[in-house]
């Protein structure tokens, strides 16, 4: 044992909890060992940890918080352990139950949709408290998906009467005139990611029926001009590709009983040179307006395949600022 190393045991009160915590053939303990740099093994229903002070304390804290989740009936999967370690490395005092058990809705595959990071939790809380919420950060951080989950949840509870999902079709100059086919064929390639998220959140037939009845509308941003949307949950995706005029137009479409969530990544602007992003201007202009909230995401919030987080971080390091 290293001179600076310490040993500590951790034993859940219930042997069944120990089995769920340790994982099949100690799979979860091996993952915790890899994530924390602390040696972790088991003897019976006791986890045996060996490591240096701060790392050891963090590993024990992780086991404690995961156990509390299991006591509440949470079904622990390897990605959850990764998210949990990331959360506690940001703030060791965080309660994982407050985050992981904050279920927004249930997906079409009967999976509970809940936050997986501190920023995601702040984002959901902001949506519950404000009429206009901006979620700004890199791809894979759940900005659009969680907004859609919240919209679906509110529709199920009849808190709103419709969902409107919009995106700027910047590659087509928002005109779409030169593309072949009818209107649906022209628009769909730019809106496909929104449909993908929608059909993950609800059964395909149910989603399609709601679209056919106009309860859910998926449209390019240009279609919002001249409209007022009442009792609606409106989501503007890829907002970094709006012009300043488009952003103002969109925000002034909100009617009574409506809320809006605007998502975007200011490092991925595809506007022609010289055009100011409406998202960047909104960040400057609306920061002190009541009822408007801004939530920032980073690579620490990426919840896709673990390699996506590494890719985002590598590009950020290569292109600082």
Protein backbone atom coordinates (compact mmCIF):
# COMPACT_ATOMS: atom_id res chain seq x y z
CA UNK A 1 0.00 0.00 0.00
CA UNK A 2 1.27 3.51 -0.91
CA UNK A 3 2.35 5.72 2.03
CA UNK A 4 -0.44 8.19 1.27
CA UNK A 5 -3.10 5.56 0.66
CA UNK A 6 -5.92 4.84 3.05
CA UNK A 7 -8.39 1.99 3.24
CA UNK A 8 -12.10 2.18 3.88
CA UNK A 9 -15.01 -0.24 3.73
CA UNK A 10 -18.53 0.52 2.57
CA UNK A 11 -21.43 -1.83 3.24
CA UNK A 12 -25.05 -1.17 2.23
CA UNK A 13 -27.62 -2.10 4.87
CA UNK A 14 -29.40 -4.56 2.55
CA UNK A 15 -27.55 -7.40 0.74
CA UNK A 16 -29.84 -6.91 -2.28
CA UNK A 17 -28.73 -3.28 -2.47
CA UNK A 18 -25.10 -4.44 -2.36
CA UNK A 19 -25.69 -6.75 -5.32
CA UNK A 20 -27.32 -3.96 -7.35
CA UNK A 21 -24.62 -1.47 -6.33
CA UNK A 22 -21.67 -3.75 -7.10
CA UNK A 23 -23.13 -4.99 -10.40
CA UNK A 24 -22.78 -8.36 -12.08
CA UNK A 25 -19.27 -9.68 -11.32
CA UNK A 26 -18.45 -6.32 -9.70
CA UNK A 27 -19.00 -4.54 -13.00
CA UNK A 28 -20.10 -1.30 -11.32
CA UNK A 29 -17.25 -1.36 -8.81
CA UNK A 30 -14.73 -1.76 -11.65
CA UNK A 31 -16.29 1.23 -13.37
CA UNK A 32 -16.06 3.30 -10.16
CA UNK A 33 -12.42 2.26 -9.83
CA UNK A 34 -11.72 3.48 -13.37
CA UNK A 35 -13.58 6.77 -12.86
CA UNK A 36 -12.14 7.71 -9.46
CA UNK A 37 -8.63 6.22 -9.56
CA UNK A 38 -9.35 4.41 -6.29
CA UNK A 39 -8.80 0.65 -6.00
CA UNK A 40 -12.16 -0.99 -5.38
CA UNK A 41 -12.89 -4.65 -4.62
CA UNK A 42 -15.48 -6.50 -2.60
CA UNK A 43 -15.71 -9.04 0.16
CA UNK A 44 -19.21 -10.40 0.62
CA UNK A 45 -21.52 -7.37 0.78
CA UNK A 46 -18.73 -4.93 1.67
CA UNK A 47 -16.95 -2.74 -0.88
CA UNK A 48 -13.25 -2.34 -0.04
CA UNK A 49 -11.67 0.91 -1.17
CA UNK A 50 -8.03 1.96 -1.19
CA UNK A 51 -6.75 5.34 -2.33
CA UNK A 52 -5.54 8.80 -1.39
CA UNK A 53 -7.61 11.13 0.79
CA UNK A 54 -9.61 13.29 -1.66
CA UNK A 55 -10.08 10.55 -4.26
CA UNK A 56 -11.09 8.05 -1.58
CA UNK A 57 -13.62 10.46 -0.08
CA UNK A 58 -15.10 11.08 -3.53
CA UNK A 59 -15.43 7.35 -4.24
CA UNK A 60 -17.14 6.75 -0.89
CA UNK A 61 -19.47 9.69 -1.51
CA UNK A 62 -20.32 8.21 -4.92
CA UNK A 63 -21.18 4.84 -3.36
CA UNK A 64 -23.33 6.55 -0.71
CA UNK A 65 -25.29 8.54 -3.28
CA UNK A 66 -25.75 5.57 -5.61
CA UNK A 67 -27.03 3.53 -2.67
CA UNK A 68 -29.60 6.24 -1.86
CA UNK A 69 -30.79 6.06 -5.47
CA UNK A 70 -31.14 2.27 -5.25
CA UNK A 71 -33.08 2.59 -1.99
CA UNK A 72 -35.60 4.73 -3.91
CA UNK A 73 -36.06 1.99 -6.51
CA UNK A 74 -33.77 3.47 -9.15
CA UNK A 75 -32.50 0.99 -11.75
CA UNK A 76 -28.74 1.60 -11.99
CA UNK A 77 -27.01 1.36 -15.37
CA UNK A 78 -23.34 1.98 -16.27
CA UNK A 79 -24.03 5.37 -17.93
CA UNK A 80 -25.73 6.55 -14.73
CA UNK A 81 -22.56 5.85 -12.76
CA UNK A 82 -20.59 7.93 -15.27
CA UNK A 83 -23.05 10.83 -14.95
CA UNK A 84 -23.11 10.50 -11.16
CA UNK A 85 -19.32 10.67 -10.86
CA UNK A 86 -19.26 13.70 -13.15
CA UNK A 87 -21.91 15.47 -11.06
CA UNK A 88 -20.15 14.82 -7.75
CA UNK A 89 -16.78 15.88 -9.17
CA UNK A 90 -18.40 19.26 -9.93
CA UNK A 91 -20.13 19.55 -6.55
CA UNK A 92 -19.67 16.83 -3.95
CA UNK A 93 -22.61 18.14 -1.91
CA UNK A 94 -25.12 17.47 -4.72
CA UNK A 95 -27.94 15.05 -3.97
CA UNK A 96 -28.20 12.59 -6.85
CA UNK A 97 -31.78 11.73 -5.89
CA UNK A 98 -32.78 15.38 -6.49
CA UNK A 99 -31.41 15.12 -10.03
CA UNK A 100 -31.90 11.53 -11.21
CA UNK A 101 -35.40 11.13 -9.73
CA UNK A 102 -36.76 14.39 -11.20
CA UNK A 103 -38.75 12.52 -13.85
CA UNK A 104 -40.16 14.76 -16.58
CA UNK A 105 -42.02 12.14 -18.57
CA UNK A 106 -41.70 8.53 -19.76
CA UNK A 107 -40.46 7.74 -23.26
CA UNK A 108 -42.14 5.50 -25.85
CA UNK A 109 -39.81 2.72 -24.67
CA UNK A 110 -41.02 3.14 -21.08
CA UNK A 111 -37.81 4.87 -19.99
CA UNK A 112 -37.97 7.65 -17.41
CA UNK A 113 -36.67 10.95 -18.77
CA UNK A 114 -34.77 12.82 -16.07
CA UNK A 115 -31.74 15.14 -15.86
CA UNK A 116 -28.26 13.62 -15.90
CA UNK A 117 -26.23 16.70 -14.92
CA UNK A 118 -26.42 19.76 -12.69
CA UNK A 119 -27.01 22.03 -15.69
CA UNK A 120 -29.81 19.79 -16.99
CA UNK A 121 -31.51 20.04 -13.60
CA UNK A 122 -31.17 23.85 -13.64
CA UNK A 123 -32.59 23.84 -17.18
CA UNK A 124 -35.70 21.88 -16.17
CA UNK A 125 -36.23 24.09 -13.11
CA UNK A 126 -35.87 27.19 -15.32
CA UNK A 127 -38.57 25.85 -17.67
CA UNK A 128 -40.91 25.35 -14.72
CA UNK A 129 -40.41 28.91 -13.48
CA UNK A 130 -40.02 31.07 -16.61
CA UNK A 131 -41.93 31.83 -19.80
CA UNK A 132 -38.80 32.04 -21.97
CA UNK A 133 -35.73 29.85 -21.45
CA UNK A 134 -32.52 29.77 -23.47
CA UNK A 135 -30.42 26.58 -23.38
CA UNK A 136 -26.98 27.31 -24.81
CA UNK A 137 -24.14 24.82 -25.26
CA UNK A 138 -22.63 22.04 -27.37
CA UNK A 139 -24.35 19.15 -29.10
CA UNK A 140 -25.30 16.14 -27.02
CA UNK A 141 -26.12 18.04 -23.84
CA UNK A 142 -29.86 17.30 -24.00
CA UNK A 143 -31.00 20.88 -24.67
CA UNK A 144 -33.60 20.06 -27.31
CA UNK A 145 -34.54 16.62 -26.02
CA UNK A 146 -35.33 17.82 -22.48
CA UNK A 147 -37.29 20.79 -23.83
CA UNK A 148 -39.37 18.40 -25.92
CA UNK A 149 -39.81 16.07 -22.94
CA UNK A 150 -41.13 19.00 -20.91
CA UNK A 151 -43.46 19.99 -23.75
CA UNK A 152 -44.83 16.43 -24.05
CA UNK A 153 -45.30 16.26 -20.26
CA UNK A 154 -47.26 19.53 -20.24
CA UNK A 155 -49.38 18.37 -23.17
CA UNK A 156 -50.23 15.12 -21.34
CA UNK A 157 -51.26 17.17 -18.27
CA UNK A 158 -53.32 19.51 -20.51
CA UNK A 159 -51.31 22.50 -19.27
CA UNK A 160 -50.91 23.50 -22.93
CA UNK A 161 -52.99 22.70 -25.99
CA UNK A 162 -50.26 22.37 -28.61
CA UNK A 163 -46.54 21.98 -29.24
CA UNK A 164 -44.75 23.93 -31.96
CA UNK A 165 -41.24 22.84 -32.96
CA UNK A 166 -39.28 25.13 -35.28
CA UNK A 167 -35.83 25.33 -36.83
CA UNK A 168 -34.20 27.83 -39.17
CA UNK A 169 -33.47 26.17 -42.53
CA UNK A 170 -30.35 28.24 -43.04
CA UNK A 171 -28.84 25.96 -45.66
CA UNK A 172 -31.87 26.66 -47.84
CA UNK A 173 -31.79 30.38 -47.15
CA UNK A 174 -35.18 29.97 -45.37
CA UNK A 175 -36.75 30.20 -48.83
CA UNK A 176 -36.72 26.52 -49.80
CA UNK A 177 -37.78 27.50 -53.30
CA UNK A 178 -34.99 25.80 -55.20
CA UNK A 179 -35.50 22.40 -53.62
CA UNK A 180 -37.42 19.70 -55.52
CA UNK A 181 -40.71 18.21 -54.38
CA UNK A 182 -43.71 19.49 -52.47
CA UNK A 183 -43.55 21.58 -49.30
CA UNK A 184 -43.31 18.61 -46.92
CA UNK A 185 -40.45 17.07 -48.88
CA UNK A 186 -38.63 20.41 -48.96
CA UNK A 187 -38.94 21.08 -45.24
CA UNK A 188 -38.47 17.62 -43.74
CA UNK A 189 -34.68 17.22 -44.16
CA UNK A 190 -34.12 20.29 -41.96
CA UNK A 191 -36.64 19.18 -39.34
CA UNK A 192 -35.72 15.47 -39.18
CA UNK A 193 -33.83 15.77 -35.85
CA UNK A 194 -36.97 17.18 -34.22
CA UNK A 195 -39.09 14.30 -35.51
CA UNK A 196 -36.46 11.82 -34.26
CA UNK A 197 -36.64 13.24 -30.73
CA UNK A 198 -40.45 13.39 -30.83
CA UNK A 199 -40.83 9.74 -31.82
CA UNK A 200 -38.41 8.71 -29.08
CA UNK A 201 -40.66 10.44 -26.55
CA UNK A 202 -43.96 9.08 -27.77
CA UNK A 203 -45.28 6.18 -29.80
CA UNK A 204 -44.94 6.82 -33.56
CA UNK A 205 -48.65 6.37 -34.31
CA UNK A 206 -49.63 8.67 -31.41
CA UNK A 207 -47.12 11.30 -32.50
CA UNK A 208 -48.24 11.13 -36.12
CA UNK A 209 -51.91 11.44 -35.09
CA UNK A 210 -51.14 14.56 -33.05
CA UNK A 211 -49.26 16.05 -36.01
CA UNK A 212 -52.14 15.22 -38.37
CA UNK A 213 -54.57 16.98 -36.00
CA UNK A 214 -52.34 20.04 -35.64
CA UNK A 215 -51.71 19.45 -31.93
CA UNK A 216 -48.00 19.11 -32.70
CA UNK A 217 -46.55 21.24 -35.47
CA UNK A 218 -43.03 20.90 -36.87
CA UNK A 219 -42.12 23.76 -39.18
CA UNK A 220 -39.30 25.99 -40.46
CA UNK A 221 -38.86 29.27 -38.62
CA UNK A 222 -40.05 31.32 -41.60
CA UNK A 223 -43.54 29.86 -41.11
CA UNK A 224 -43.87 31.68 -37.77
CA UNK A 225 -44.08 35.16 -39.30
CA UNK A 226 -47.39 36.93 -38.68
CA UNK A 227 -48.71 34.34 -36.22
CA UNK A 228 -49.62 34.53 -32.53
CA UNK A 229 -49.31 31.29 -30.59
CA UNK A 230 -51.59 30.90 -27.57
CA UNK A 231 -51.52 28.02 -25.04
CA UNK A 232 -48.49 26.56 -26.79
CA UNK A 233 -45.09 25.20 -25.84
CA UNK A 234 -42.81 26.53 -28.58
CA UNK A 235 -39.28 25.24 -29.13
CA UNK A 236 -36.79 26.98 -31.41
CA UNK A 237 -33.87 24.66 -32.16
CA UNK A 238 -30.49 25.60 -33.70
CA UNK A 239 -31.19 29.21 -32.73
CA UNK A 240 -27.60 30.26 -33.39
CA UNK A 241 -28.59 30.26 -37.06
CA UNK A 242 -31.32 32.85 -36.68
CA UNK A 243 -30.70 36.42 -37.73
CA UNK A 244 -31.40 39.19 -35.23
CA UNK A 245 -34.64 39.97 -37.08
CA UNK A 246 -35.76 36.33 -37.02
CA UNK A 247 -35.08 36.00 -33.30
CA UNK A 248 -37.13 39.10 -32.48
CA UNK A 249 -39.90 37.88 -34.80
CA UNK A 250 -39.94 34.49 -33.08
CA UNK A 251 -39.99 35.84 -29.52
CA UNK A 252 -42.86 38.20 -30.32
CA UNK A 253 -45.04 35.30 -31.58
CA UNK A 254 -45.76 34.20 -28.01
CA UNK A 255 -49.37 34.62 -26.94
CA UNK A 256 -51.24 34.08 -23.69
CA UNK A 257 -50.55 30.83 -21.85
CA UNK A 258 -47.50 30.09 -23.98
CA UNK A 259 -43.85 29.50 -23.20
CA UNK A 260 -40.77 29.23 -25.38
CA UNK A 261 -37.50 27.34 -25.14
CA UNK A 262 -34.68 28.43 -27.43
CA UNK A 263 -31.70 26.12 -27.90
CA UNK A 264 -28.43 26.66 -29.70
CA UNK A 265 -24.65 26.43 -29.80
CA UNK A 266 -22.89 29.75 -30.43
CA UNK A 267 -19.75 27.90 -31.61
CA UNK A 268 -21.69 26.40 -34.56
CA UNK A 269 -23.03 29.43 -36.43
CA UNK A 270 -23.70 28.81 -40.13
CA UNK A 271 -25.00 32.25 -41.09
CA UNK A 272 -23.41 34.07 -44.05
CA UNK A 273 -20.42 36.24 -43.19
CA UNK A 274 -21.37 39.56 -41.68
CA UNK A 275 -24.72 38.42 -40.29
CA UNK A 276 -25.09 38.66 -36.51
CA UNK A 277 -26.59 35.65 -34.78
CA UNK A 278 -29.95 36.39 -33.19
CA UNK A 279 -28.98 34.08 -30.33
CA UNK A 280 -25.85 36.07 -29.49
CA UNK A 281 -27.79 39.34 -29.61
CA UNK A 282 -30.54 37.89 -27.39
CA UNK A 283 -27.90 36.94 -24.81
CA UNK A 284 -26.78 40.58 -24.73
CA UNK A 285 -30.23 42.17 -24.82
CA UNK A 286 -32.46 39.95 -22.69
CA UNK A 287 -30.23 39.06 -19.76
CA UNK A 288 -32.09 41.31 -17.30
CA UNK A 289 -35.66 40.81 -18.57
CA UNK A 290 -37.98 39.21 -16.00
CA UNK A 291 -39.38 35.81 -16.95
CA UNK A 292 -36.40 35.11 -19.24
CA UNK A 293 -33.74 32.63 -18.11
CA UNK A 294 -30.41 31.57 -19.66
CA UNK A 295 -28.88 28.18 -18.86
CA UNK A 296 -25.40 27.31 -20.12
CA UNK A 297 -24.14 23.81 -20.90
CA UNK A 298 -20.60 22.52 -21.38
CA UNK A 299 -18.91 19.28 -22.38
CA UNK A 300 -19.48 18.15 -18.77
CA UNK A 301 -23.19 17.88 -19.67
CA UNK A 302 -22.78 15.70 -22.77
CA UNK A 303 -25.00 12.65 -22.36
CA UNK A 304 -24.41 10.89 -25.65
CA UNK A 305 -21.83 8.17 -26.24
CA UNK A 306 -18.82 8.91 -23.96
CA UNK A 307 -16.61 9.56 -27.00
CA UNK A 308 -18.77 12.59 -27.92
CA UNK A 309 -17.71 14.32 -24.70
CA UNK A 310 -14.05 13.68 -25.54
CA UNK A 311 -14.51 14.98 -29.09
CA UNK A 312 -16.21 18.18 -27.88
CA UNK A 313 -13.46 18.79 -25.32
CA UNK A 314 -10.70 18.17 -27.89
CA UNK A 315 -12.20 20.68 -30.33
CA UNK A 316 -12.69 23.25 -27.57
CA UNK A 317 -9.01 22.90 -26.62
CA UNK A 318 -7.96 23.20 -30.26
CA UNK A 319 -10.12 26.29 -30.83
CA UNK A 320 -10.08 28.17 -27.50
CA UNK A 321 -12.55 31.04 -27.18
